C-alpha atoms as a PDB file:
ATOM      1  CA  MET A   1      19.068 230.690 197.474  1.00  0.00           C
ATOM      2  CA  THR A   2      21.847 231.236 194.963  1.00  0.00           C
ATOM      3  CA  GLU A   3      25.156 231.396 195.760  1.00  0.00           C
ATOM      4  CA  LYS A   4      26.682 234.400 194.925  1.00  0.00           C
ATOM      5  CA  THR A   5      29.299 234.960 191.842  1.00  0.00           C
ATOM      6  CA  ASP A   6      33.163 234.751 193.570  1.00  0.00           C
ATOM      7  CA  ILE A   7      33.557 238.344 191.700  1.00  0.00           C
ATOM      8  CA  LYS A   8      37.344 239.295 193.182  1.00  0.00           C
ATOM      9  CA  SER A   9      37.895 235.740 191.536  1.00  0.00           C
ATOM     10  CA  LEU A  10      36.657 236.777 187.760  1.00  0.00           C
ATOM     11  CA  THR A  11      38.616 238.130 185.636  1.00  0.00           C
ATOM     12  CA  VAL A  12      37.587 241.424 183.582  1.00  0.00           C
ATOM     13  CA  GLU A  13      36.282 239.768 180.048  1.00  0.00           C
ATOM     14  CA  GLU A  14      34.352 237.435 182.571  1.00  0.00           C
ATOM     15  CA  LEU A  15      32.698 239.925 184.274  1.00  0.00           C
ATOM     16  CA  GLU A  16      32.118 241.594 181.601  1.00  0.00           C
ATOM     17  CA  LEU A  17      30.179 238.887 179.592  1.00  0.00           C
ATOM     18  CA  ARG A  18      28.032 238.645 183.104  1.00  0.00           C
ATOM     19  CA  LEU A  19      27.839 242.656 183.847  1.00  0.00           C
ATOM     20  CA  LYS A  20      26.106 241.929 179.525  1.00  0.00           C
ATOM     21  CA  GLU A  21      23.964 239.633 180.161  1.00  0.00           C
ATOM     22  CA  GLN A  22      21.839 241.608 182.623  1.00  0.00           C
ATOM     23  CA  GLY A  23      22.246 244.643 180.523  1.00  0.00           C
ATOM     24  CA  ILE A  24      24.487 246.338 182.390  1.00  0.00           C
ATOM     25  CA  GLN A  25      26.866 247.814 179.607  1.00  0.00           C
ATOM     26  CA  GLY A  26      30.500 246.370 179.398  1.00  0.00           C
ATOM     27  CA  PHE A  27      33.038 249.728 179.915  1.00  0.00           C
ATOM     28  CA  ARG A  28      31.738 249.054 183.571  1.00  0.00           C
ATOM     29  CA  ALA A  29      33.461 245.997 183.542  1.00  0.00           C
ATOM     30  CA  ARG A  30      36.463 247.661 183.811  1.00  0.00           C
ATOM     31  CA  GLN A  31      35.793 250.162 186.134  1.00  0.00           C
ATOM     32  CA  ILE A  32      34.906 248.275 189.569  1.00  0.00           C
ATOM     33  CA  PHE A  33      37.631 245.629 188.065  1.00  0.00           C
ATOM     34  CA  GLN A  34      40.339 248.973 189.023  1.00  0.00           C
ATOM     35  CA  TRP A  35      38.059 249.085 192.186  1.00  0.00           C
ATOM     36  CA  ILE A  36      38.722 245.564 192.910  1.00  0.00           C
ATOM     37  CA  HIS A  37      42.473 245.497 192.253  1.00  0.00           C
ATOM     38  CA  GLU A  38      44.300 248.816 191.771  1.00  0.00           C
ATOM     39  CA  LYS A  39      42.341 250.070 194.024  1.00  0.00           C
ATOM     40  CA  LEU A  40      42.185 247.451 196.060  1.00  0.00           C
ATOM     41  CA  ALA A  41      38.189 247.864 197.242  1.00  0.00           C
ATOM     42  CA  ASP A  42      36.609 245.605 200.009  1.00  0.00           C
ATOM     43  CA  SER A  43      33.562 246.881 199.391  1.00  0.00           C
ATOM     44  CA  PHE A  44      31.093 247.473 196.721  1.00  0.00           C
ATOM     45  CA  GLU A  45      30.174 251.074 199.123  1.00  0.00           C
ATOM     46  CA  GLU A  46      33.199 252.345 198.347  1.00  0.00           C
ATOM     47  CA  MET A  47      32.925 252.227 194.004  1.00  0.00           C
ATOM     48  CA  THR A  48      32.168 256.212 194.448  1.00  0.00           C
ATOM     49  CA  ASN A  49      31.952 256.035 190.333  1.00  0.00           C
ATOM     50  CA  LEU A  50      29.444 253.853 189.786  1.00  0.00           C
ATOM     51  CA  SER A  51      25.671 254.405 191.173  1.00  0.00           C
ATOM     52  CA  LYS A  52      23.365 253.554 194.259  1.00  0.00           C
ATOM     53  CA  ASP A  53      21.619 251.561 191.730  1.00  0.00           C
ATOM     54  CA  LEU A  54      24.688 249.742 190.149  1.00  0.00           C
ATOM     55  CA  ARG A  55      25.884 248.783 193.421  1.00  0.00           C
ATOM     56  CA  ARG A  56      22.764 247.363 194.858  1.00  0.00           C
ATOM     57  CA  GLN A  57      22.477 244.818 192.488  1.00  0.00           C
ATOM     58  CA  LEU A  58      25.739 244.114 192.333  1.00  0.00           C
ATOM     59  CA  GLU A  59      25.779 243.261 195.969  1.00  0.00           C
ATOM     60  CA  GLU A  60      23.036 241.134 196.119  1.00  0.00           C
ATOM     61  CA  GLU A  61      24.408 239.291 193.058  1.00  0.00           C
ATOM     62  CA  TYR A  62      28.633 239.086 193.793  1.00  0.00           C
ATOM     63  CA  GLU A  63      30.432 238.381 197.165  1.00  0.00           C
ATOM     64  CA  LEU A  64      33.460 240.604 197.053  1.00  0.00           C
ATOM     65  CA  VAL A  65      35.754 238.747 199.689  1.00  0.00           C
ATOM     66  CA  ALA A  66      37.965 240.311 202.620  1.00  0.00           C
ATOM     67  CA  LEU A  67      40.003 239.361 204.573  1.00  0.00           C
ATOM     68  CA  SER A  68      40.444 240.153 209.087  1.00  0.00           C
ATOM     69  CA  ALA A  69      43.316 239.577 210.665  1.00  0.00           C
ATOM     70  CA  ALA A  70      43.015 237.157 213.556  1.00  0.00           C
ATOM     71  CA  ASP A  71      46.516 238.616 215.077  1.00  0.00           C
ATOM     72  CA  VAL A  72      49.448 240.247 214.019  1.00  0.00           C
ATOM     73  CA  LYS A  73      52.638 240.379 214.637  1.00  0.00           C
ATOM     74  CA  VAL A  74      56.426 241.711 213.903  1.00  0.00           C
ATOM     75  CA  SER A  75      59.376 240.471 214.045  1.00  0.00           C
ATOM     76  CA  ALA A  76      61.352 243.475 216.919  1.00  0.00           C
ATOM     77  CA  ALA A  77      64.454 242.150 214.642  1.00  0.00           C
ATOM     78  CA  ASP A  78      64.161 243.291 211.135  1.00  0.00           C
ATOM     79  CA  GLY A  79      59.935 244.103 210.748  1.00  0.00           C
ATOM     80  CA  THR A  80      58.608 241.346 208.984  1.00  0.00           C
ATOM     81  CA  ARG A  81      55.470 241.517 209.506  1.00  0.00           C
ATOM     82  CA  LYS A  82      53.103 238.106 210.224  1.00  0.00           C
ATOM     83  CA  TYR A  83      50.023 238.256 210.016  1.00  0.00           C
ATOM     84  CA  LEU A  84      47.403 235.598 210.796  1.00  0.00           C
ATOM     85  CA  PHE A  85      43.781 235.897 208.378  1.00  0.00           C
ATOM     86  CA  ARG A  86      40.148 234.832 208.907  1.00  0.00           C
ATOM     87  CA  LEU A  87      38.854 233.654 206.470  1.00  0.00           C
ATOM     88  CA  GLY A  88      34.846 234.125 205.666  1.00  0.00           C
ATOM     89  CA  ASP A  89      33.561 230.032 207.094  1.00  0.00           C
ATOM     90  CA  GLY A  90      36.101 231.070 210.081  1.00  0.00           C
ATOM     91  CA  HIS A  91      39.008 229.621 209.617  1.00  0.00           C
ATOM     92  CA  VAL A  92      42.563 230.735 209.871  1.00  0.00           C
ATOM     93  CA  ILE A  93      45.628 230.971 206.834  1.00  0.00           C
ATOM     94  CA  GLU A  94      48.844 233.057 207.584  1.00  0.00           C
ATOM     95  CA  SER A  95      50.684 234.862 205.274  1.00  0.00           C
ATOM     96  CA  VAL A  96      54.040 237.213 205.549  1.00  0.00           C
ATOM     97  CA  LEU A  97      55.611 240.069 204.588  1.00  0.00           C
ATOM     98  CA  MET A  98      59.229 240.238 204.583  1.00  0.00           C
ATOM     99  CA  LYS A  99      60.948 243.840 203.585  1.00  0.00           C
ATOM    100  CA  TYR A 100      63.907 243.599 201.695  1.00  0.00           C
ATOM    101  CA  LYS A 101      66.857 246.351 199.998  1.00  0.00           C
ATOM    102  CA  HIS A 102      65.174 245.044 196.708  1.00  0.00           C
ATOM    103  CA  GLY A 103      61.116 245.419 198.080  1.00  0.00           C
ATOM    104  CA  ASN A 104      58.422 244.002 199.764  1.00  0.00           C
ATOM    105  CA  SER A 105      57.600 240.330 199.766  1.00  0.00           C
ATOM    106  CA  VAL A 106      54.223 238.821 200.628  1.00  0.00           C
ATOM    107  CA  CYS A 107      54.430 235.395 201.178  1.00  0.00           C
ATOM    108  CA  ILE A 108      51.108 233.391 201.116  1.00  0.00           C
ATOM    109  CA  SER A 109      48.934 230.777 201.283  1.00  0.00           C
ATOM    110  CA  SER A 110      47.493 228.330 198.979  1.00  0.00           C
ATOM    111  CA  GLN A 111      44.610 226.445 201.367  1.00  0.00           C
ATOM    112  CA  VAL A 112      43.842 226.016 204.740  1.00  0.00           C
ATOM    113  CA  GLY A 113      46.391 223.083 205.658  1.00  0.00           C
ATOM    114  CA  CYS A 114      48.173 220.595 203.591  1.00  0.00           C
ATOM    115  CA  ARG A 115      48.241 217.138 202.862  1.00  0.00           C
ATOM    116  CA  MET A 116      51.717 216.700 201.990  1.00  0.00           C
ATOM    117  CA  GLY A 117      53.314 215.682 204.840  1.00  0.00           C
ATOM    118  CA  CYS A 118      56.332 216.406 205.385  1.00  0.00           C
ATOM    119  CA  ARG A 119      58.274 215.968 208.034  1.00  0.00           C
ATOM    120  CA  PHE A 120      60.210 219.729 209.176  1.00  0.00           C
ATOM    121  CA  CYS A 121      56.516 221.463 208.580  1.00  0.00           C
ATOM    122  CA  ALA A 122      54.409 223.213 210.477  1.00  0.00           C
ATOM    123  CA  SER A 123      51.204 223.939 208.377  1.00  0.00           C
ATOM    124  CA  THR A 124      50.341 220.173 207.798  1.00  0.00           C
ATOM    125  CA  LEU A 125      50.315 218.790 210.741  1.00  0.00           C
ATOM    126  CA  GLY A 126      46.895 219.285 210.698  1.00  0.00           C
ATOM    127  CA  GLY A 127      46.010 217.791 206.872  1.00  0.00           C
ATOM    128  CA  LEU A 128      44.330 219.951 204.503  1.00  0.00           C
ATOM    129  CA  GLU A 129      41.055 221.881 205.525  1.00  0.00           C
ATOM    130  CA  ARG A 130      40.287 223.042 202.393  1.00  0.00           C
ATOM    131  CA  ASN A 131      41.674 224.446 198.437  1.00  0.00           C
ATOM    132  CA  LEU A 132      41.906 228.833 199.221  1.00  0.00           C
ATOM    133  CA  LYS A 133      39.667 230.656 196.582  1.00  0.00           C
ATOM    134  CA  PRO A 134      41.582 232.904 193.562  1.00  0.00           C
ATOM    135  CA  SER A 135      40.012 235.380 195.688  1.00  0.00           C
ATOM    136  CA  GLU A 136      41.963 234.600 199.450  1.00  0.00           C
ATOM    137  CA  MET A 137      45.207 234.414 197.953  1.00  0.00           C
ATOM    138  CA  LEU A 138      44.730 238.165 195.706  1.00  0.00           C
ATOM    139  CA  SER A 139      43.230 239.350 198.968  1.00  0.00           C
ATOM    140  CA  GLN A 140      46.158 237.868 200.882  1.00  0.00           C
ATOM    141  CA  VAL A 141      48.420 240.585 198.976  1.00  0.00           C
ATOM    142  CA  TYR A 142      45.606 243.559 198.839  1.00  0.00           C
ATOM    143  CA  ARG A 143      45.355 243.139 202.562  1.00  0.00           C
ATOM    144  CA  ILE A 144      48.796 243.270 203.123  1.00  0.00           C
ATOM    145  CA  GLN A 145      49.796 245.954 200.699  1.00  0.00           C
ATOM    146  CA  LYS A 146      46.332 248.448 202.068  1.00  0.00           C
ATOM    147  CA  ASP A 147      47.550 247.308 205.757  1.00  0.00           C
ATOM    148  CA  THR A 148      51.404 249.026 205.334  1.00  0.00           C
ATOM    149  CA  GLY A 149      50.612 251.338 203.141  1.00  0.00           C
ATOM    150  CA  GLU A 150      53.553 250.763 201.069  1.00  0.00           C
ATOM    151  CA  ARG A 151      53.893 249.086 197.428  1.00  0.00           C
ATOM    152  CA  VAL A 152      53.911 244.667 197.261  1.00  0.00           C
ATOM    153  CA  SER A 153      56.387 244.430 194.570  1.00  0.00           C
ATOM    154  CA  HIS A 154      57.252 240.724 194.703  1.00  0.00           C
ATOM    155  CA  VAL A 155      54.731 237.149 195.763  1.00  0.00           C
ATOM    156  CA  VAL A 156      56.197 234.230 196.882  1.00  0.00           C
ATOM    157  CA  VAL A 157      53.785 230.999 197.637  1.00  0.00           C
ATOM    158  CA  MET A 158      55.374 229.308 199.519  1.00  0.00           C
ATOM    159  CA  GLY A 159      52.999 229.325 202.701  1.00  0.00           C
ATOM    160  CA  THR A 160      51.088 227.169 204.503  1.00  0.00           C
ATOM    161  CA  GLY A 161      50.415 224.053 201.235  1.00  0.00           C
ATOM    162  CA  GLU A 162      50.840 222.797 198.863  1.00  0.00           C
ATOM    163  CA  PRO A 163      50.045 225.150 195.813  1.00  0.00           C
ATOM    164  CA  LEU A 164      50.089 222.504 192.560  1.00  0.00           C
ATOM    165  CA  ASP A 165      47.292 220.733 194.504  1.00  0.00           C
ATOM    166  CA  ASN A 166      45.251 224.185 194.272  1.00  0.00           C
ATOM    167  CA  TYR A 167      47.154 224.479 190.216  1.00  0.00           C
ATOM    168  CA  ASP A 168      43.798 226.237 188.895  1.00  0.00           C
ATOM    169  CA  SER A 169      43.611 228.770 191.801  1.00  0.00           C
ATOM    170  CA  LEU A 170      47.236 228.966 191.257  1.00  0.00           C
ATOM    171  CA  VAL A 171      46.722 229.983 187.367  1.00  0.00           C
ATOM    172  CA  ARG A 172      44.386 232.230 188.192  1.00  0.00           C
ATOM    173  CA  PHE A 173      45.823 233.710 190.635  1.00  0.00           C
ATOM    174  CA  ILE A 174      48.606 234.276 188.933  1.00  0.00           C
ATOM    175  CA  ARG A 175      47.227 236.486 186.109  1.00  0.00           C
ATOM    176  CA  LEU A 176      44.770 238.182 187.823  1.00  0.00           C
ATOM    177  CA  VAL A 177      48.363 239.740 189.640  1.00  0.00           C
ATOM    178  CA  THR A 178      49.682 240.600 186.897  1.00  0.00           C
ATOM    179  CA  ASP A 179      47.299 242.045 185.514  1.00  0.00           C
ATOM    180  CA  GLU A 180      47.899 245.308 183.848  1.00  0.00           C
ATOM    181  CA  ARG A 181      44.624 246.916 184.827  1.00  0.00           C
ATOM    182  CA  GLY A 182      45.306 245.982 189.224  1.00  0.00           C
ATOM    183  CA  LEU A 183      48.078 245.442 190.755  1.00  0.00           C
ATOM    184  CA  ASN A 184      50.442 244.612 187.433  1.00  0.00           C
ATOM    185  CA  LEU A 185      52.595 243.025 189.144  1.00  0.00           C
ATOM    186  CA  SER A 186      55.576 241.933 187.155  1.00  0.00           C
ATOM    187  CA  GLN A 187      55.590 237.823 186.451  1.00  0.00           C
ATOM    188  CA  ARG A 188      58.888 237.780 186.398  1.00  0.00           C
ATOM    189  CA  ASN A 189      58.607 238.845 190.711  1.00  0.00           C
ATOM    190  CA  ILE A 190      55.864 235.302 191.108  1.00  0.00           C
ATOM    191  CA  THR A 191      57.591 232.810 192.976  1.00  0.00           C
ATOM    192  CA  VAL A 192      55.468 229.448 193.267  1.00  0.00           C
ATOM    193  CA  SER A 193      57.158 226.077 196.090  1.00  0.00           C
ATOM    194  CA  THR A 194      55.859 223.032 194.981  1.00  0.00           C
ATOM    195  CA  CYS A 195      57.437 219.678 196.638  1.00  0.00           C
ATOM    196  CA  GLY A 196      58.047 218.169 193.188  1.00  0.00           C
ATOM    197  CA  ILE A 197      54.555 217.323 191.997  1.00  0.00           C
ATOM    198  CA  VAL A 198      55.629 215.988 188.629  1.00  0.00           C
ATOM    199  CA  PRO A 199      52.283 216.712 186.175  1.00  0.00           C
ATOM    200  CA  GLY A 200      51.331 219.712 188.001  1.00  0.00           C
ATOM    201  CA  ILE A 201      54.604 221.124 187.142  1.00  0.00           C
ATOM    202  CA  GLU A 202      55.029 219.953 183.168  1.00  0.00           C
ATOM    203  CA  ARG A 203      50.678 221.613 182.938  1.00  0.00           C
ATOM    204  CA  LEU A 204      52.866 225.126 184.979  1.00  0.00           C
ATOM    205  CA  ALA A 205      55.587 225.222 182.166  1.00  0.00           C
ATOM    206  CA  GLU A 206      52.900 225.060 179.345  1.00  0.00           C
ATOM    207  CA  GLU A 207      51.096 227.698 180.771  1.00  0.00           C
ATOM    208  CA  GLY A 208      53.172 230.713 178.830  1.00  0.00           C
ATOM    209  CA  LEU A 209      53.626 232.003 182.606  1.00  0.00           C
ATOM    210  CA  SER A 210      57.114 233.694 183.606  1.00  0.00           C
ATOM    211  CA  VAL A 211      56.843 232.945 187.377  1.00  0.00           C
ATOM    212  CA  THR A 212      60.232 231.322 188.863  1.00  0.00           C
ATOM    213  CA  LEU A 213      59.336 227.565 190.208  1.00  0.00           C
ATOM    214  CA  ALA A 214      61.219 227.006 193.545  1.00  0.00           C
ATOM    215  CA  LEU A 215      61.570 223.024 194.223  1.00  0.00           C
ATOM    216  CA  SER A 216      61.180 221.716 198.254  1.00  0.00           C
ATOM    217  CA  LEU A 217      64.516 219.036 197.115  1.00  0.00           C
ATOM    218  CA  HIS A 218      65.772 218.742 201.054  1.00  0.00           C
ATOM    219  CA  ALA A 219      67.629 215.403 200.586  1.00  0.00           C
ATOM    220  CA  PRO A 220      69.930 214.739 197.364  1.00  0.00           C
ATOM    221  CA  SER A 221      68.488 210.885 196.830  1.00  0.00           C
ATOM    222  CA  ASP A 222      65.172 209.325 197.324  1.00  0.00           C
ATOM    223  CA  GLN A 223      66.071 207.597 200.462  1.00  0.00           C
ATOM    224  CA  VAL A 224      66.703 210.856 202.758  1.00  0.00           C
ATOM    225  CA  ARG A 225      64.546 211.849 200.488  1.00  0.00           C
ATOM    226  CA  LYS A 226      61.128 209.515 201.727  1.00  0.00           C
ATOM    227  CA  THR A 227      62.533 209.995 204.750  1.00  0.00           C
ATOM    228  CA  LEU A 228      61.465 213.725 205.421  1.00  0.00           C
ATOM    229  CA  MET A 229      58.897 214.596 201.902  1.00  0.00           C
ATOM    230  CA  PRO A 230      56.211 211.491 201.505  1.00  0.00           C
ATOM    231  CA  VAL A 231      55.584 212.865 197.837  1.00  0.00           C
ATOM    232  CA  ALA A 232      58.726 211.303 197.578  1.00  0.00           C
ATOM    233  CA  CYS A 233      57.120 207.741 197.961  1.00  0.00           C
ATOM    234  CA  LYS A 234      54.685 208.486 194.803  1.00  0.00           C
ATOM    235  CA  TYR A 235      57.325 210.860 193.024  1.00  0.00           C
ATOM    236  CA  ALA A 236      60.971 209.940 192.092  1.00  0.00           C
ATOM    237  CA  LEU A 237      63.381 212.792 192.041  1.00  0.00           C
ATOM    238  CA  LYS A 238      64.222 211.497 188.729  1.00  0.00           C
ATOM    239  CA  ASP A 239      61.559 212.371 187.105  1.00  0.00           C
ATOM    240  CA  VAL A 240      61.084 215.999 188.870  1.00  0.00           C
ATOM    241  CA  LEU A 241      64.878 216.879 187.868  1.00  0.00           C
ATOM    242  CA  SER A 242      63.094 216.037 184.429  1.00  0.00           C
ATOM    243  CA  ALA A 243      60.129 217.978 185.063  1.00  0.00           C
ATOM    244  CA  CYS A 244      62.159 221.169 186.448  1.00  0.00           C
ATOM    245  CA  ARG A 245      64.080 220.706 183.139  1.00  0.00           C
ATOM    246  CA  LEU A 246      61.499 220.892 180.564  1.00  0.00           C
ATOM    247  CA  TYR A 247      60.602 223.796 182.991  1.00  0.00           C
ATOM    248  CA  PHE A 248      62.981 225.757 182.265  1.00  0.00           C
ATOM    249  CA  LYS A 249      63.645 225.149 178.968  1.00  0.00           C
ATOM    250  CA  ARG A 250      60.155 225.954 177.903  1.00  0.00           C
ATOM    251  CA  THR A 251      60.244 229.219 180.470  1.00  0.00           C
ATOM    252  CA  GLY A 252      63.854 229.569 180.501  1.00  0.00           C
ATOM    253  CA  ARG A 253      63.254 230.516 183.848  1.00  0.00           C
ATOM    254  CA  ARG A 254      65.904 229.580 185.853  1.00  0.00           C
ATOM    255  CA  LEU A 255      65.135 227.387 188.690  1.00  0.00           C
ATOM    256  CA  THR A 256      65.757 227.600 192.538  1.00  0.00           C
ATOM    257  CA  PHE A 257      66.666 224.119 194.907  1.00  0.00           C
ATOM    258  CA  GLU A 258      64.786 224.791 198.824  1.00  0.00           C
ATOM    259  CA  TYR A 259      67.154 222.534 200.969  1.00  0.00           C
ATOM    260  CA  SER A 260      66.460 222.546 204.138  1.00  0.00           C
ATOM    261  CA  LEU A 261      69.271 221.703 206.862  1.00  0.00           C
ATOM    262  CA  VAL A 262      68.288 219.051 209.254  1.00  0.00           C
ATOM    263  CA  LYS A 263      71.313 218.828 211.834  1.00  0.00           C
ATOM    264  CA  GLY A 264      71.745 215.082 211.168  1.00  0.00           C
ATOM    265  CA  VAL A 265      69.702 214.080 208.154  1.00  0.00           C
ATOM    266  CA  ASN A 266      71.149 215.747 205.703  1.00  0.00           C
ATOM    267  CA  ASP A 267      73.321 218.247 206.253  1.00  0.00           C
ATOM    268  CA  ASN A 268      77.067 216.194 205.935  1.00  0.00           C
ATOM    269  CA  LEU A 269      79.199 216.722 203.174  1.00  0.00           C
ATOM    270  CA  GLU A 270      78.442 213.533 201.422  1.00  0.00           C
ATOM    271  CA  GLU A 271      74.691 214.943 201.405  1.00  0.00           C
ATOM    272  CA  ALA A 272      76.175 217.503 199.987  1.00  0.00           C
ATOM    273  CA  ARG A 273      78.545 216.580 197.233  1.00  0.00           C
ATOM    274  CA  ALA A 274      75.848 213.962 195.790  1.00  0.00           C
ATOM    275  CA  LEU A 275      73.286 217.299 196.579  1.00  0.00           C
ATOM    276  CA  ALA A 276      76.250 218.829 193.607  1.00  0.00           C
ATOM    277  CA  ASP A 277      76.848 215.889 191.074  1.00  0.00           C
ATOM    278  CA  LEU A 278      72.548 215.915 190.736  1.00  0.00           C
ATOM    279  CA  ILE A 279      71.765 218.786 190.088  1.00  0.00           C
ATOM    280  CA  ARG A 280      74.782 219.974 187.447  1.00  0.00           C
ATOM    281  CA  ASP A 281      73.134 219.886 184.639  1.00  0.00           C
ATOM    282  CA  GLN A 282      70.042 221.848 185.866  1.00  0.00           C
ATOM    283  CA  GLN A 283      69.826 226.319 185.088  1.00  0.00           C
ATOM    284  CA  GLY A 284      69.078 226.979 188.661  1.00  0.00           C
ATOM    285  CA  HIS A 285      70.505 227.153 192.301  1.00  0.00           C
ATOM    286  CA  VAL A 286      69.991 226.243 196.199  1.00  0.00           C
ATOM    287  CA  ASN A 287      69.016 228.347 199.066  1.00  0.00           C
ATOM    288  CA  LEU A 288      69.752 226.734 202.031  1.00  0.00           C
ATOM    289  CA  ILE A 289      67.400 226.719 204.170  1.00  0.00           C
ATOM    290  CA  PRO A 290      68.017 226.238 208.752  1.00  0.00           C
ATOM    291  CA  VAL A 291      65.014 224.081 210.018  1.00  0.00           C
ATOM    292  CA  ASN A 292      62.901 226.158 211.697  1.00  0.00           C
ATOM    293  CA  PRO A 293      61.901 223.887 214.356  1.00  0.00           C
ATOM    294  CA  ILE A 294      59.014 222.909 216.234  1.00  0.00           C
ATOM    295  CA  LYS A 295      57.943 221.369 219.302  1.00  0.00           C
ATOM    296  CA  GLU A 296      55.364 218.420 217.297  1.00  0.00           C
ATOM    297  CA  ARG A 297      58.629 216.987 215.735  1.00  0.00           C
ATOM    298  CA  ASP A 298      62.512 216.241 217.059  1.00  0.00           C
ATOM    299  CA  TYR A 299      64.117 217.715 213.833  1.00  0.00           C
ATOM    300  CA  VAL A 300      67.420 219.980 214.782  1.00  0.00           C
ATOM    301  CA  GLN A 301      68.767 223.016 213.656  1.00  0.00           C
ATOM    302  CA  SER A 302      72.345 222.557 211.292  1.00  0.00           C
ATOM    303  CA  ASP A 303      74.895 224.665 213.496  1.00  0.00           C
ATOM    304  CA  SER A 304      76.264 227.774 211.822  1.00  0.00           C
ATOM    305  CA  ARG A 305      79.533 225.526 211.188  1.00  0.00           C
ATOM    306  CA  SER A 306      78.301 222.921 209.341  1.00  0.00           C
ATOM    307  CA  ILE A 307      75.851 225.353 207.288  1.00  0.00           C
ATOM    308  CA  ALA A 308      79.277 226.964 205.676  1.00  0.00           C
ATOM    309  CA  ALA A 309      80.953 223.928 204.963  1.00  0.00           C
ATOM    310  CA  PHE A 310      77.954 222.256 202.735  1.00  0.00           C
ATOM    311  CA  LYS A 311      77.314 225.568 201.508  1.00  0.00           C
ATOM    312  CA  GLU A 312      81.565 225.418 200.723  1.00  0.00           C
ATOM    313  CA  CYS A 313      81.113 221.997 199.463  1.00  0.00           C
ATOM    314  CA  LEU A 314      78.767 223.285 196.947  1.00  0.00           C
ATOM    315  CA  GLU A 315      80.438 225.777 195.724  1.00  0.00           C
ATOM    316  CA  ARG A 316      83.915 224.457 194.693  1.00  0.00           C
ATOM    317  CA  LYS A 317      81.877 221.581 193.218  1.00  0.00           C
ATOM    318  CA  GLY A 318      80.707 225.119 190.881  1.00  0.00           C
ATOM    319  CA  ILE A 319      77.001 225.132 192.729  1.00  0.00           C
ATOM    320  CA  ASN A 320      75.310 228.429 192.624  1.00  0.00           C
ATOM    321  CA  VAL A 321      74.578 228.449 196.119  1.00  0.00           C
ATOM    322  CA  THR A 322      72.640 231.220 199.284  1.00  0.00           C
ATOM    323  CA  VAL A 323      72.115 230.622 202.983  1.00  0.00           C
ATOM    324  CA  ARG A 324      68.029 231.806 203.407  1.00  0.00           C
ATOM    325  CA  ARG A 325      68.217 235.163 205.438  1.00  0.00           C
ATOM    326  CA  GLU A 326      66.349 234.448 209.172  1.00  0.00           C
ATOM    327  CA  MET A 327      63.404 236.246 208.541  1.00  0.00           C
ATOM    328  CA  GLY A 328      60.932 237.137 212.586  1.00  0.00           C
ATOM    329  CA  ARG A 329      62.473 234.211 213.654  1.00  0.00           C
ATOM    330  CA  ASP A 330      61.148 235.890 216.909  1.00  0.00           C
ATOM    331  CA  ILE A 331      57.350 235.216 215.965  1.00  0.00           C
ATOM    332  CA  GLY A 332      57.823 232.650 214.830  1.00  0.00           C
ATOM    333  CA  GLY A 333      58.487 232.519 211.137  1.00  0.00           C
ATOM    334  CA  ALA A 334      58.035 229.412 210.192  1.00  0.00           C
ATOM    335  CA  CYS A 335      55.458 228.151 207.662  1.00  0.00           C
ATOM    336  CA  GLY A 336      52.374 227.002 209.857  1.00  0.00           C
ATOM    337  CA  GLN A 337      53.740 227.809 213.373  1.00  0.00           C
ATOM    338  CA  LEU A 338      51.749 230.628 214.454  1.00  0.00           C
ATOM    339  CA  ARG A 339      48.045 229.234 212.555  1.00  0.00           C
ATOM    340  CA  LYS A 340      48.927 226.185 214.698  1.00  0.00           C
ATOM    341  CA  SER A 341      49.234 227.770 217.555  1.00  0.00           C
ATOM    342  CA  TYR A 342      46.114 229.908 216.931  1.00  0.00           C
ATOM    343  CA  MET A 343      44.180 226.869 216.666  1.00  0.00           C
ATOM    344  CA  ASP A 344      45.394 225.219 219.973  1.00  0.00           C
ATOM    345  CA  ARG A 345      44.435 227.642 222.146  1.00  0.00           C
ATOM    346  CA  LYS A 346      41.201 226.886 220.603  1.00  0.00           C
ATOM    347  CA  GLN A 347      40.866 223.549 220.937  1.00  0.00           C
ATOM    348  CA  GLU A 348      42.039 224.383 224.350  1.00  0.00           C
ATOM    349  CA  GLY A 349      39.811 227.141 225.245  1.00  0.00           C
END
């Protein structure tokens, strides 16, 4: 049996070419694209301005990816919604909706699991299962927008997985979600997080995109960083920061340096001063993240006094810094926590 084509991952131009080869008029591609990416249709049957015969033909030859919710948790504290979505092959992934004054932001996953092995992250505990297709990345955004009835204005690719380890799907996702004939998100409202894959950063710099790059830095030295992030054994900080400078030069987009504060590991003032010296010539700001404790690791969140002192030290040295507001803490808001508990329950059952 021939595998069906993943229609949601196709651009308008690619779809038009395929339909023309099948003897279908080109303008139908734009109609179908609009149904999928603007009207957020989950089935061909919903496409009522297409004939029944065409809908049947599409059904036979194309797959229209749609996600089903395995679990949804809503924070009583701030309204954050955490979704566990089931994929077509039975795997599950996480997405989070966070509501801010500036609009609704959705944090999506780019892989099923992760192979980066960051010590403080629940996403990586089971390793990497597979990459997500562009359609599966898009469907997280679309399903949440349909579920809430509210427009998503910002997307953060910072859930489970390393986006630059799924490079081609990531770039195609960005181009599709920002297509003016679809959801038409601004590229400037998309943030891509990476643990520091140098070739991927350099490649992304040349794509002609305007997305924000967030580097998971987490330590001001290779020595400390290696204890937290195995990827630091492959890419030295000097090379990672050189790639970040290239990214700013090519795109004009200021970077975000993510720094998870772990008590007794990377949260002292000596580390703060070293961090300020390290990124002094970088165009960007530091986002301090009080680490979310997970039971499989013995890392503890820094206390509020240490966080405030760390922030003040950076500010005195002229570094632009914010402390990330904790969202959804009461529903296991950290990356991978909901999926991990689901997988644990499944194994026990």
